[in-house]
Amino acid sequence: MRLLLTSAGVTNPSIRDALVDLLGKPIADSTALCIPTAQYGHPMSGPVSAWRFITGQTPLPMCNLGWKSLGVLELTALPSVGEEHWVPWVRKADVLLAGGGDALFLSHWMRQSWLAELLPSLQDTVWVGLSAGSMVMTPRIGDEFVEWTPPGGGDSALGVIDFSIFPHLGLVPENTMAVAEAWAAEIAGPAYAIDDQTAIKVTDGSVEVVSKGNWTQFS
């Protein structure tokens, strides 16, 4: 699977070009499934936020980029649907668009639905994450971002990649560089802090930062 991990979606031409490069074809020729699940786990999100994400009624460009087709993949429904029904939907999609919200809630339902186990086989699929939709791929999100507590506790996400992400750098007073540095010290592993004009592109283990804004790497 190829990854485009963003703080706030496809916010500038450089990030859009990176997305097209990962797809290997124009956005207008690509089929997408959007995943709003993370919205339901965060106290500042919910049904209205999920609807805005799905319909593109938000300043965070993801679902409104001009896809050939766009469907909704709600992970909380998948265990009751059956893998034989929904797995073909996922395999046919060119891209999965994971919205923001709560990364641990999303991680939990990716495991519960079996989507997490399916990911390694989706070698031709692009995962585009927005905030929590990016953080879910990391080893840890850090206590700073824990809102919903998983059954086993902790702050572990899926660990698809080997670095953590601090999104929305500089967007609000709580997301200063000093806060990011303290977060990185607590993470005690490879990490990036990225603002809303930055994305991290991961292809076959190769990591590239695509940015028109501010970012830093913590080693």
N, C-alpha and C. Protein backbone atom coordinates (compact mmCIF):
# COMPACT_ATOMS: atom_id res chain seq x y z
N MET A 1 0.83 -1.19 0.00
CA MET A 1 0.00 0.00 0.00
C MET A 1 0.88 1.25 0.00
N ARG A 2 0.46 2.23 -0.78
CA ARG A 2 1.15 3.52 -0.84
C ARG A 2 0.38 4.53 0.01
N LEU A 3 1.10 5.40 0.70
CA LEU A 3 0.48 6.27 1.69
C LEU A 3 0.75 7.74 1.37
N LEU A 4 -0.27 8.57 1.55
CA LEU A 4 -0.11 10.02 1.54
C LEU A 4 -0.73 10.51 2.85
N LEU A 5 0.12 10.88 3.78
CA LEU A 5 -0.30 11.20 5.14
C LEU A 5 -0.29 12.70 5.32
N THR A 6 -1.46 13.29 5.44
CA THR A 6 -1.59 14.73 5.49
C THR A 6 -2.10 15.19 6.85
N SER A 7 -1.94 16.47 7.10
CA SER A 7 -2.50 17.10 8.29
C SER A 7 -3.92 17.58 8.04
N ALA A 8 -4.16 18.08 6.82
CA ALA A 8 -5.46 18.72 6.54
C ALA A 8 -5.96 18.44 5.13
N GLY A 9 -5.54 17.33 4.54
CA GLY A 9 -6.01 17.00 3.21
C GLY A 9 -5.09 17.51 2.12
N VAL A 10 -5.61 17.53 0.91
CA VAL A 10 -4.82 17.91 -0.27
C VAL A 10 -4.92 19.42 -0.44
N THR A 11 -4.12 20.14 0.33
CA THR A 11 -4.31 21.58 0.50
C THR A 11 -3.52 22.45 -0.47
N ASN A 12 -2.64 21.86 -1.27
CA ASN A 12 -1.89 22.67 -2.23
C ASN A 12 -1.49 21.82 -3.43
N PRO A 13 -1.05 22.47 -4.52
CA PRO A 13 -0.71 21.73 -5.74
C PRO A 13 0.38 20.67 -5.56
N SER A 14 1.34 20.92 -4.67
CA SER A 14 2.41 19.95 -4.47
C SER A 14 1.88 18.65 -3.88
N ILE A 15 0.97 18.76 -2.92
CA ILE A 15 0.36 17.56 -2.33
C ILE A 15 -0.53 16.87 -3.36
N ARG A 16 -1.23 17.65 -4.15
CA ARG A 16 -2.07 17.06 -5.20
C ARG A 16 -1.20 16.31 -6.22
N ASP A 17 -0.07 16.89 -6.61
CA ASP A 17 0.83 16.21 -7.54
C ASP A 17 1.35 14.90 -6.94
N ALA A 18 1.64 14.91 -5.64
CA ALA A 18 2.10 13.69 -4.98
C ALA A 18 1.01 12.62 -5.01
N LEU A 19 -0.24 13.03 -4.82
CA LEU A 19 -1.35 12.09 -4.88
C LEU A 19 -1.48 11.48 -6.27
N VAL A 20 -1.42 12.32 -7.29
CA VAL A 20 -1.53 11.81 -8.67
C VAL A 20 -0.39 10.86 -8.98
N ASP A 21 0.80 11.18 -8.49
CA ASP A 21 1.95 10.29 -8.71
C ASP A 21 1.73 8.94 -8.06
N LEU A 22 1.16 8.91 -6.85
CA LEU A 22 0.88 7.64 -6.17
C LEU A 22 -0.20 6.86 -6.91
N LEU A 23 -1.20 7.56 -7.41
CA LEU A 23 -2.29 6.89 -8.13
C LEU A 23 -1.81 6.33 -9.47
N GLY A 24 -0.89 7.04 -10.10
CA GLY A 24 -0.43 6.62 -11.41
C GLY A 24 -1.39 6.98 -12.52
N LYS A 25 -2.36 7.82 -12.22
CA LYS A 25 -3.33 8.28 -13.21
C LYS A 25 -4.07 9.49 -12.64
N PRO A 26 -4.81 10.21 -13.47
CA PRO A 26 -5.50 11.40 -12.97
C PRO A 26 -6.55 11.07 -11.91
N ILE A 27 -6.81 12.03 -11.04
CA ILE A 27 -7.85 11.87 -10.03
C ILE A 27 -9.20 11.59 -10.68
N ALA A 28 -9.45 12.25 -11.80
CA ALA A 28 -10.74 12.09 -12.49
C ALA A 28 -10.95 10.68 -13.03
N ASP A 29 -9.89 9.88 -13.12
CA ASP A 29 -10.00 8.50 -13.58
C ASP A 29 -9.91 7.50 -12.43
N SER A 30 -9.92 7.98 -11.18
CA SER A 30 -9.68 7.13 -10.02
C SER A 30 -10.94 6.99 -9.17
N THR A 31 -11.14 5.78 -8.65
CA THR A 31 -12.29 5.50 -7.79
C THR A 31 -11.86 5.55 -6.33
N ALA A 32 -12.72 6.12 -5.50
CA ALA A 32 -12.36 6.35 -4.10
C ALA A 32 -13.44 5.83 -3.16
N LEU A 33 -13.01 5.37 -1.99
CA LEU A 33 -13.90 5.09 -0.87
C LEU A 33 -13.45 5.97 0.29
N CYS A 34 -14.38 6.70 0.89
CA CYS A 34 -14.01 7.52 2.03
C CYS A 34 -14.43 6.84 3.33
N ILE A 35 -13.60 7.02 4.35
CA ILE A 35 -13.80 6.38 5.65
C ILE A 35 -14.03 7.47 6.70
N PRO A 36 -15.28 7.70 7.12
CA PRO A 36 -15.57 8.75 8.11
C PRO A 36 -15.51 8.29 9.56
N THR A 37 -15.16 7.03 9.80
CA THR A 37 -15.29 6.40 11.11
C THR A 37 -14.66 7.18 12.26
N ALA A 38 -13.48 7.76 12.02
CA ALA A 38 -12.76 8.46 13.10
C ALA A 38 -13.57 9.61 13.68
N GLN A 39 -14.49 10.16 12.88
CA GLN A 39 -15.29 11.30 13.34
C GLN A 39 -16.12 10.95 14.58
N TYR A 40 -16.55 9.71 14.69
CA TYR A 40 -17.48 9.35 15.76
C TYR A 40 -16.80 9.14 17.11
N GLY A 41 -15.49 9.06 17.13
CA GLY A 41 -14.79 8.80 18.38
C GLY A 41 -14.24 10.03 19.06
N HIS A 42 -14.30 11.18 18.41
CA HIS A 42 -13.69 12.39 18.97
C HIS A 42 -14.76 13.32 19.53
N PRO A 43 -14.55 13.88 20.72
CA PRO A 43 -15.59 14.71 21.33
C PRO A 43 -15.92 15.98 20.55
N MET A 44 -15.04 16.41 19.65
CA MET A 44 -15.31 17.61 18.87
C MET A 44 -15.89 17.30 17.50
N SER A 45 -16.12 16.02 17.23
CA SER A 45 -16.67 15.61 15.93
C SER A 45 -18.00 14.92 16.15
N GLY A 46 -18.52 14.27 15.09
CA GLY A 46 -19.79 13.58 15.21
C GLY A 46 -20.49 13.48 13.86
N PRO A 47 -21.80 13.23 13.85
CA PRO A 47 -22.53 13.01 12.60
C PRO A 47 -22.44 14.17 11.61
N VAL A 48 -22.49 15.40 12.12
CA VAL A 48 -22.42 16.54 11.21
C VAL A 48 -21.03 16.62 10.56
N SER A 49 -19.99 16.40 11.36
CA SER A 49 -18.63 16.40 10.82
C SER A 49 -18.45 15.30 9.79
N ALA A 50 -19.01 14.13 10.07
CA ALA A 50 -18.91 13.02 9.12
C ALA A 50 -19.59 13.37 7.81
N TRP A 51 -20.77 13.98 7.88
CA TRP A 51 -21.49 14.37 6.66
C TRP A 51 -20.69 15.40 5.87
N ARG A 52 -20.11 16.37 6.56
CA ARG A 52 -19.32 17.39 5.88
C ARG A 52 -18.10 16.78 5.19
N PHE A 53 -17.47 15.82 5.85
CA PHE A 53 -16.32 15.15 5.24
C PHE A 53 -16.74 14.41 3.98
N ILE A 54 -17.79 13.63 4.08
CA ILE A 54 -18.25 12.81 2.95
C ILE A 54 -18.65 13.67 1.76
N THR A 55 -19.36 14.76 2.04
CA THR A 55 -19.91 15.59 0.97
C THR A 55 -18.96 16.69 0.51
N GLY A 56 -17.79 16.80 1.14
CA GLY A 56 -16.86 17.83 0.75
C GLY A 56 -17.23 19.21 1.24
N GLN A 57 -18.14 19.29 2.21
CA GLN A 57 -18.56 20.58 2.77
C GLN A 57 -17.63 21.00 3.91
N THR A 58 -16.35 21.08 3.59
CA THR A 58 -15.32 21.36 4.58
C THR A 58 -14.13 22.00 3.87
N PRO A 59 -13.35 22.83 4.54
CA PRO A 59 -12.16 23.41 3.91
C PRO A 59 -10.99 22.43 3.82
N LEU A 60 -11.20 21.17 4.19
CA LEU A 60 -10.14 20.16 4.14
C LEU A 60 -10.35 19.30 2.89
N PRO A 61 -9.60 19.54 1.82
CA PRO A 61 -9.88 18.89 0.53
C PRO A 61 -9.52 17.41 0.52
N MET A 62 -10.55 16.57 0.35
CA MET A 62 -10.35 15.12 0.26
C MET A 62 -11.38 14.50 -0.68
N CYS A 63 -12.63 14.59 -0.26
CA CYS A 63 -13.69 13.94 -1.02
C CYS A 63 -14.17 14.77 -2.20
N ASN A 64 -13.79 16.03 -2.25
CA ASN A 64 -14.27 16.93 -3.29
C ASN A 64 -13.21 17.25 -4.33
N LEU A 65 -12.32 16.30 -4.59
CA LEU A 65 -11.22 16.53 -5.52
C LEU A 65 -11.56 16.19 -6.95
N GLY A 66 -12.76 15.67 -7.21
CA GLY A 66 -13.15 15.32 -8.57
C GLY A 66 -12.91 13.88 -8.93
N TRP A 67 -13.18 12.97 -8.00
CA TRP A 67 -13.00 11.54 -8.23
C TRP A 67 -13.96 11.01 -9.29
N LYS A 68 -13.55 9.97 -9.98
CA LYS A 68 -14.43 9.30 -10.95
C LYS A 68 -15.67 8.78 -10.25
N SER A 69 -15.48 8.20 -9.08
CA SER A 69 -16.60 7.78 -8.23
C SER A 69 -16.15 7.86 -6.78
N LEU A 70 -17.13 8.05 -5.90
CA LEU A 70 -16.84 8.16 -4.47
C LEU A 70 -17.90 7.39 -3.69
N GLY A 71 -17.45 6.47 -2.85
CA GLY A 71 -18.35 5.72 -1.98
C GLY A 71 -17.95 5.90 -0.54
N VAL A 72 -18.79 5.40 0.36
CA VAL A 72 -18.53 5.52 1.80
C VAL A 72 -18.28 4.12 2.37
N LEU A 73 -17.19 3.98 3.10
CA LEU A 73 -16.86 2.73 3.78
C LEU A 73 -16.90 3.01 5.28
N GLU A 74 -18.01 2.67 5.91
CA GLU A 74 -18.16 2.88 7.35
C GLU A 74 -17.73 1.61 8.08
N LEU A 75 -16.61 1.70 8.79
CA LEU A 75 -15.99 0.50 9.35
C LEU A 75 -16.82 -0.15 10.44
N THR A 76 -17.59 0.63 11.20
CA THR A 76 -18.38 0.03 12.27
C THR A 76 -19.46 -0.91 11.73
N ALA A 77 -19.81 -0.76 10.45
CA ALA A 77 -20.83 -1.63 9.85
C ALA A 77 -20.26 -2.92 9.29
N LEU A 78 -18.97 -2.95 9.03
CA LEU A 78 -18.39 -4.07 8.28
C LEU A 78 -18.47 -5.41 8.99
N PRO A 79 -18.27 -5.50 10.33
CA PRO A 79 -18.35 -6.82 10.96
C PRO A 79 -19.69 -7.51 10.77
N SER A 80 -20.76 -6.73 10.62
CA SER A 80 -22.08 -7.34 10.45
C SER A 80 -22.42 -7.58 8.98
N VAL A 81 -21.59 -7.08 8.08
CA VAL A 81 -21.84 -7.25 6.64
C VAL A 81 -21.25 -8.56 6.13
N GLY A 82 -20.04 -8.86 6.58
CA GLY A 82 -19.36 -10.07 6.11
C GLY A 82 -18.28 -9.73 5.11
N GLU A 83 -17.11 -10.34 5.30
CA GLU A 83 -15.96 -10.02 4.46
C GLU A 83 -16.21 -10.31 2.99
N GLU A 84 -16.96 -11.37 2.69
CA GLU A 84 -17.20 -11.72 1.29
C GLU A 84 -17.97 -10.62 0.56
N HIS A 85 -18.64 -9.76 1.33
CA HIS A 85 -19.44 -8.68 0.74
C HIS A 85 -18.62 -7.41 0.54
N TRP A 86 -17.84 -7.01 1.57
CA TRP A 86 -17.19 -5.70 1.50
C TRP A 86 -15.75 -5.72 1.00
N VAL A 87 -15.04 -6.84 1.15
CA VAL A 87 -13.65 -6.88 0.69
C VAL A 87 -13.53 -6.57 -0.80
N PRO A 88 -14.42 -7.09 -1.67
CA PRO A 88 -14.33 -6.71 -3.09
C PRO A 88 -14.50 -5.21 -3.33
N TRP A 89 -15.31 -4.53 -2.50
CA TRP A 89 -15.44 -3.08 -2.65
C TRP A 89 -14.08 -2.42 -2.47
N VAL A 90 -13.37 -2.84 -1.43
CA VAL A 90 -12.08 -2.23 -1.11
C VAL A 90 -11.05 -2.55 -2.19
N ARG A 91 -11.03 -3.79 -2.64
CA ARG A 91 -10.03 -4.17 -3.64
C ARG A 91 -10.24 -3.45 -4.96
N LYS A 92 -11.46 -3.07 -5.27
CA LYS A 92 -11.73 -2.38 -6.54
C LYS A 92 -11.40 -0.89 -6.48
N ALA A 93 -11.25 -0.34 -5.29
CA ALA A 93 -11.00 1.09 -5.15
C ALA A 93 -9.53 1.42 -5.43
N ASP A 94 -9.32 2.56 -6.06
CA ASP A 94 -7.95 3.04 -6.28
C ASP A 94 -7.39 3.69 -5.03
N VAL A 95 -8.27 4.29 -4.23
CA VAL A 95 -7.80 5.06 -3.08
C VAL A 95 -8.79 4.97 -1.94
N LEU A 96 -8.26 4.93 -0.72
CA LEU A 96 -9.05 5.01 0.50
C LEU A 96 -8.75 6.34 1.17
N LEU A 97 -9.80 7.11 1.45
CA LEU A 97 -9.67 8.44 2.03
C LEU A 97 -10.11 8.38 3.49
N ALA A 98 -9.16 8.48 4.41
CA ALA A 98 -9.47 8.34 5.83
C ALA A 98 -9.54 9.72 6.47
N GLY A 99 -10.72 10.09 6.96
CA GLY A 99 -10.94 11.40 7.54
C GLY A 99 -10.38 11.53 8.95
N GLY A 100 -10.42 12.76 9.46
CA GLY A 100 -9.92 13.04 10.79
C GLY A 100 -10.92 12.71 11.87
N GLY A 101 -10.50 12.93 13.11
CA GLY A 101 -11.31 12.60 14.27
C GLY A 101 -10.43 12.00 15.35
N ASP A 102 -10.72 10.78 15.74
CA ASP A 102 -9.95 10.11 16.79
C ASP A 102 -9.17 8.94 16.20
N ALA A 103 -7.85 9.01 16.29
CA ALA A 103 -6.99 7.99 15.67
C ALA A 103 -7.13 6.63 16.33
N LEU A 104 -7.28 6.59 17.66
CA LEU A 104 -7.39 5.30 18.35
C LEU A 104 -8.73 4.65 18.09
N PHE A 105 -9.79 5.44 17.98
CA PHE A 105 -11.09 4.88 17.62
C PHE A 105 -11.04 4.28 16.22
N LEU A 106 -10.39 5.00 15.30
CA LEU A 106 -10.23 4.49 13.94
C LEU A 106 -9.39 3.22 13.94
N SER A 107 -8.29 3.22 14.69
CA SER A 107 -7.44 2.03 14.78
C SER A 107 -8.23 0.83 15.30
N HIS A 108 -9.02 1.06 16.34
CA HIS A 108 -9.82 -0.02 16.92
C HIS A 108 -10.75 -0.63 15.89
N TRP A 109 -11.45 0.21 15.13
CA TRP A 109 -12.41 -0.31 14.16
C TRP A 109 -11.76 -0.85 12.90
N MET A 110 -10.56 -0.41 12.60
CA MET A 110 -9.84 -1.04 11.50
C MET A 110 -9.48 -2.47 11.87
N ARG A 111 -9.16 -2.70 13.15
CA ARG A 111 -8.88 -4.06 13.61
C ARG A 111 -10.17 -4.88 13.70
N GLN A 112 -11.20 -4.30 14.29
CA GLN A 112 -12.46 -5.02 14.48
C GLN A 112 -13.10 -5.42 13.16
N SER A 113 -12.94 -4.58 12.16
CA SER A 113 -13.56 -4.84 10.86
C SER A 113 -12.72 -5.76 9.98
N TRP A 114 -11.46 -5.96 10.36
CA TRP A 114 -10.49 -6.76 9.61
C TRP A 114 -9.84 -5.96 8.48
N LEU A 115 -10.15 -4.67 8.36
CA LEU A 115 -9.48 -3.86 7.34
C LEU A 115 -7.99 -3.77 7.60
N ALA A 116 -7.58 -3.69 8.86
CA ALA A 116 -6.15 -3.61 9.18
C ALA A 116 -5.39 -4.82 8.66
N GLU A 117 -6.00 -6.00 8.78
CA GLU A 117 -5.36 -7.23 8.30
C GLU A 117 -5.32 -7.28 6.78
N LEU A 118 -6.26 -6.60 6.14
CA LEU A 118 -6.33 -6.60 4.68
C LEU A 118 -5.28 -5.68 4.05
N LEU A 119 -4.85 -4.66 4.78
CA LEU A 119 -3.98 -3.62 4.22
C LEU A 119 -2.73 -4.15 3.51
N PRO A 120 -1.99 -5.12 4.08
CA PRO A 120 -0.76 -5.56 3.40
C PRO A 120 -0.99 -6.12 2.00
N SER A 121 -2.19 -6.60 1.73
CA SER A 121 -2.47 -7.17 0.41
C SER A 121 -2.91 -6.12 -0.61
N LEU A 122 -3.10 -4.88 -0.16
CA LEU A 122 -3.59 -3.81 -1.05
C LEU A 122 -2.40 -3.04 -1.63
N GLN A 123 -1.56 -3.72 -2.36
CA GLN A 123 -0.31 -3.11 -2.82
C GLN A 123 -0.52 -2.03 -3.87
N ASP A 124 -1.62 -2.07 -4.59
CA ASP A 124 -1.88 -1.07 -5.62
C ASP A 124 -2.84 0.02 -5.15
N THR A 125 -3.21 -0.01 -3.88
CA THR A 125 -4.16 0.95 -3.34
C THR A 125 -3.41 2.09 -2.65
N VAL A 126 -3.95 3.29 -2.77
CA VAL A 126 -3.38 4.46 -2.10
C VAL A 126 -4.23 4.79 -0.87
N TRP A 127 -3.58 4.99 0.24
CA TRP A 127 -4.25 5.44 1.47
C TRP A 127 -3.94 6.92 1.65
N VAL A 128 -4.96 7.75 1.68
CA VAL A 128 -4.78 9.18 1.94
C VAL A 128 -5.39 9.48 3.30
N GLY A 129 -4.55 9.89 4.24
CA GLY A 129 -5.02 10.18 5.58
C GLY A 129 -5.10 11.67 5.83
N LEU A 130 -6.07 12.05 6.64
CA LEU A 130 -6.23 13.43 7.08
C LEU A 130 -6.18 13.43 8.60
N SER A 131 -5.14 14.02 9.17
CA SER A 131 -5.00 14.11 10.63
C SER A 131 -5.05 12.72 11.27
N ALA A 132 -6.14 12.38 11.97
CA ALA A 132 -6.26 11.06 12.59
C ALA A 132 -6.16 9.94 11.57
N GLY A 133 -6.62 10.21 10.35
CA GLY A 133 -6.51 9.23 9.27
C GLY A 133 -5.08 8.96 8.85
N SER A 134 -4.17 9.88 9.19
CA SER A 134 -2.73 9.66 9.00
C SER A 134 -2.11 9.03 10.24
N MET A 135 -2.49 9.55 11.41
CA MET A 135 -1.91 9.09 12.67
C MET A 135 -2.21 7.62 12.94
N VAL A 136 -3.31 7.11 12.40
CA VAL A 136 -3.68 5.72 12.64
C VAL A 136 -2.64 4.75 12.10
N MET A 137 -1.84 5.18 11.13
CA MET A 137 -0.83 4.30 10.55
C MET A 137 0.47 4.25 11.35
N THR A 138 0.57 5.06 12.40
CA THR A 138 1.81 5.18 13.16
C THR A 138 1.89 4.16 14.29
N PRO A 139 3.07 4.01 14.91
CA PRO A 139 3.17 3.10 16.06
C PRO A 139 2.45 3.64 17.30
N ARG A 140 2.58 4.95 17.55
CA ARG A 140 1.96 5.59 18.72
C ARG A 140 1.50 6.98 18.34
N ILE A 141 0.43 7.45 19.01
CA ILE A 141 -0.01 8.82 18.75
C ILE A 141 0.43 9.77 19.86
N GLY A 142 0.82 9.24 21.02
CA GLY A 142 1.22 10.07 22.15
C GLY A 142 0.04 10.48 23.01
N ASP A 143 0.28 10.63 24.30
CA ASP A 143 -0.80 10.98 25.24
C ASP A 143 -1.48 12.29 24.89
N GLU A 144 -0.75 13.18 24.24
CA GLU A 144 -1.28 14.49 23.84
C GLU A 144 -2.56 14.36 23.01
N PHE A 145 -2.69 13.26 22.25
CA PHE A 145 -3.80 13.11 21.32
C PHE A 145 -4.81 12.03 21.73
N VAL A 146 -4.67 11.48 22.91
CA VAL A 146 -5.61 10.45 23.35
C VAL A 146 -6.89 11.11 23.86
N GLU A 147 -8.00 10.82 23.21
CA GLU A 147 -9.33 11.27 23.65
C GLU A 147 -10.19 10.05 23.97
N TRP A 148 -10.35 9.17 22.98
CA TRP A 148 -11.09 7.92 23.16
C TRP A 148 -10.10 6.84 23.62
N THR A 149 -10.45 6.14 24.69
CA THR A 149 -9.55 5.13 25.24
C THR A 149 -9.92 3.75 24.72
N PRO A 150 -9.01 3.06 24.05
CA PRO A 150 -9.29 1.72 23.55
C PRO A 150 -9.46 0.73 24.69
N PRO A 151 -10.08 -0.43 24.44
CA PRO A 151 -10.31 -1.41 25.50
C PRO A 151 -9.05 -1.79 26.26
N GLY A 152 -7.92 -1.88 25.58
CA GLY A 152 -6.68 -2.26 26.24
C GLY A 152 -5.87 -1.09 26.77
N GLY A 153 -6.40 0.13 26.60
CA GLY A 153 -5.67 1.31 27.04
C GLY A 153 -4.51 1.63 26.13
N GLY A 154 -3.68 2.57 26.56
CA GLY A 154 -2.49 2.91 25.80
C GLY A 154 -2.76 3.88 24.66
N ASP A 155 -1.71 4.13 23.87
CA ASP A 155 -1.82 5.06 22.75
C ASP A 155 -1.31 4.45 21.46
N SER A 156 -1.28 3.11 21.39
CA SER A 156 -0.75 2.42 20.21
C SER A 156 -1.75 2.44 19.07
N ALA A 157 -1.25 2.78 17.88
CA ALA A 157 -2.05 2.70 16.66
C ALA A 157 -1.61 1.46 15.87
N LEU A 158 -1.71 1.48 14.55
CA LEU A 158 -1.51 0.26 13.77
C LEU A 158 -0.04 -0.09 13.52
N GLY A 159 0.84 0.90 13.51
CA GLY A 159 2.25 0.61 13.28
C GLY A 159 2.58 0.18 11.87
N VAL A 160 1.81 0.63 10.90
CA VAL A 160 2.11 0.33 9.50
C VAL A 160 3.40 1.01 9.08
N ILE A 161 3.64 2.21 9.60
CA ILE A 161 4.89 2.92 9.39
C ILE A 161 5.66 2.95 10.71
N ASP A 162 6.91 3.37 10.67
CA ASP A 162 7.74 3.30 11.88
C ASP A 162 7.99 4.67 12.51
N PHE A 163 7.19 5.67 12.14
CA PHE A 163 7.33 7.00 12.74
C PHE A 163 5.95 7.53 13.14
N SER A 164 5.95 8.46 14.09
CA SER A 164 4.71 9.08 14.56
C SER A 164 4.54 10.46 13.94
N ILE A 165 3.30 10.99 14.03
CA ILE A 165 2.97 12.26 13.37
C ILE A 165 2.24 13.18 14.34
N PHE A 166 2.73 14.40 14.43
CA PHE A 166 2.08 15.48 15.17
C PHE A 166 1.49 16.41 14.12
N PRO A 167 0.16 16.41 13.91
CA PRO A 167 -0.44 17.21 12.84
C PRO A 167 -0.80 18.62 13.30
N HIS A 168 -1.20 19.44 12.35
CA HIS A 168 -1.73 20.79 12.60
C HIS A 168 -0.75 21.67 13.36
N LEU A 169 0.54 21.53 13.05
CA LEU A 169 1.55 22.34 13.70
C LEU A 169 1.26 23.82 13.48
N GLY A 170 1.19 24.57 14.57
CA GLY A 170 0.98 26.01 14.49
C GLY A 170 -0.43 26.46 14.23
N LEU A 171 -1.36 25.53 14.10
CA LEU A 171 -2.74 25.91 13.76
C LEU A 171 -3.46 26.56 14.93
N VAL A 172 -3.25 26.01 16.12
CA VAL A 172 -3.88 26.53 17.33
C VAL A 172 -2.80 26.69 18.40
N PRO A 173 -3.06 27.48 19.45
CA PRO A 173 -2.03 27.69 20.48
C PRO A 173 -1.53 26.41 21.13
N GLU A 174 -2.37 25.38 21.15
CA GLU A 174 -1.97 24.11 21.77
C GLU A 174 -0.99 23.33 20.91
N ASN A 175 -0.79 23.73 19.67
CA ASN A 175 0.05 22.97 18.74
C ASN A 175 1.30 23.75 18.35
N THR A 176 1.98 24.31 19.31
CA THR A 176 3.23 25.02 19.07
C THR A 176 4.38 24.04 18.87
N MET A 177 5.50 24.57 18.40
CA MET A 177 6.68 23.72 18.25
C MET A 177 7.16 23.21 19.60
N ALA A 178 7.04 24.03 20.64
CA ALA A 178 7.45 23.59 21.97
C ALA A 178 6.61 22.40 22.43
N VAL A 179 5.32 22.44 22.17
CA VAL A 179 4.44 21.32 22.51
C VAL A 179 4.83 20.09 21.69
N ALA A 180 5.12 20.31 20.41
CA ALA A 180 5.52 19.19 19.54
C ALA A 180 6.82 18.56 20.03
N GLU A 181 7.76 19.37 20.48
CA GLU A 181 9.03 18.85 20.99
C GLU A 181 8.82 18.01 22.25
N ALA A 182 7.93 18.47 23.13
CA ALA A 182 7.63 17.70 24.34
C ALA A 182 6.94 16.39 23.99
N TRP A 183 6.03 16.45 23.02
CA TRP A 183 5.34 15.25 22.52
C TRP A 183 6.35 14.25 21.95
N ALA A 184 7.29 14.74 21.14
CA ALA A 184 8.28 13.87 20.53
C ALA A 184 9.18 13.22 21.58
N ALA A 185 9.51 13.96 22.63
CA ALA A 185 10.33 13.39 23.70
C ALA A 185 9.60 12.25 24.39
N GLU A 186 8.28 12.41 24.55
CA GLU A 186 7.47 11.36 25.18
C GLU A 186 7.32 10.15 24.27
N ILE A 187 7.20 10.40 22.97
CA ILE A 187 7.10 9.31 21.99
C ILE A 187 8.38 8.47 21.99
N ALA A 188 9.52 9.17 22.09
CA ALA A 188 10.84 8.50 22.15
C ALA A 188 11.09 7.58 20.96
N GLY A 189 10.73 8.06 19.78
CA GLY A 189 10.97 7.32 18.56
C GLY A 189 10.94 8.28 17.39
N PRO A 190 11.18 7.81 16.17
CA PRO A 190 11.13 8.69 15.00
C PRO A 190 9.76 9.36 14.88
N ALA A 191 9.74 10.64 14.52
CA ALA A 191 8.49 11.38 14.47
C ALA A 191 8.64 12.63 13.60
N TYR A 192 7.51 13.09 13.12
CA TYR A 192 7.44 14.33 12.36
C TYR A 192 6.35 15.22 12.96
N ALA A 193 6.59 16.52 12.95
CA ALA A 193 5.54 17.51 13.20
C ALA A 193 5.29 18.20 11.88
N ILE A 194 4.02 18.26 11.46
CA ILE A 194 3.70 18.83 10.15
C ILE A 194 2.54 19.81 10.27
N ASP A 195 2.58 20.86 9.45
CA ASP A 195 1.46 21.79 9.44
C ASP A 195 0.48 21.41 8.34
N ASP A 196 -0.53 22.25 8.13
CA ASP A 196 -1.62 21.89 7.22
C ASP A 196 -1.26 22.04 5.75
N GLN A 197 -0.07 22.52 5.45
CA GLN A 197 0.40 22.59 4.06
C GLN A 197 1.46 21.53 3.77
N THR A 198 1.48 20.51 4.60
CA THR A 198 2.52 19.48 4.51
C THR A 198 1.90 18.09 4.47
N ALA A 199 2.54 17.19 3.73
CA ALA A 199 2.15 15.78 3.70
C ALA A 199 3.41 14.92 3.70
N ILE A 200 3.24 13.68 4.09
CA ILE A 200 4.33 12.70 4.05
C ILE A 200 3.93 11.59 3.09
N LYS A 201 4.75 11.39 2.09
CA LYS A 201 4.50 10.39 1.04
C LYS A 201 5.36 9.16 1.32
N VAL A 202 4.72 8.01 1.40
CA VAL A 202 5.44 6.76 1.70
C VAL A 202 5.20 5.78 0.56
N THR A 203 6.28 5.39 -0.10
CA THR A 203 6.20 4.46 -1.23
C THR A 203 7.26 3.38 -1.07
N ASP A 204 6.82 2.15 -0.89
CA ASP A 204 7.74 1.01 -0.75
C ASP A 204 8.82 1.29 0.31
N GLY A 205 8.41 1.87 1.43
CA GLY A 205 9.33 2.13 2.52
C GLY A 205 10.10 3.43 2.40
N SER A 206 10.03 4.08 1.24
CA SER A 206 10.71 5.36 1.04
C SER A 206 9.82 6.49 1.53
N VAL A 207 10.38 7.40 2.33
CA VAL A 207 9.61 8.49 2.93
C VAL A 207 10.05 9.82 2.34
N GLU A 208 9.06 10.61 1.89
CA GLU A 208 9.34 11.92 1.30
C GLU A 208 8.37 12.94 1.89
N VAL A 209 8.89 14.05 2.37
CA VAL A 209 8.04 15.13 2.86
C VAL A 209 7.73 16.07 1.71
N VAL A 210 6.43 16.34 1.53
CA VAL A 210 5.95 17.25 0.49
C VAL A 210 5.33 18.45 1.21
N SER A 211 5.91 19.63 1.02
CA SER A 211 5.46 20.74 1.85
C SER A 211 5.58 22.09 1.18
N LYS A 212 4.59 22.93 1.42
CA LYS A 212 4.62 24.35 1.12
C LYS A 212 4.54 25.13 2.43
N GLY A 213 4.78 24.45 3.55
CA GLY A 213 4.61 25.08 4.85
C GLY A 213 5.76 24.75 5.77
N ASN A 214 5.43 24.41 7.02
CA ASN A 214 6.43 24.16 8.06
C ASN A 214 6.35 22.72 8.57
N TRP A 215 7.49 22.15 8.81
CA TRP A 215 7.54 20.79 9.36
C TRP A 215 8.91 20.59 9.99
N THR A 216 8.99 19.60 10.83
CA THR A 216 10.30 19.22 11.39
C THR A 216 10.31 17.73 11.65
N GLN A 217 11.50 17.16 11.62
CA GLN A 217 11.68 15.74 11.88
C GLN A 217 12.40 15.56 13.20
N PHE A 218 11.87 14.67 14.05
CA PHE A 218 12.50 14.34 15.32
C PHE A 218 13.10 12.94 15.18
N SER A 219 14.39 12.82 15.42
CA SER A 219 15.03 11.52 15.24
C SER A 219 15.27 10.87 16.59
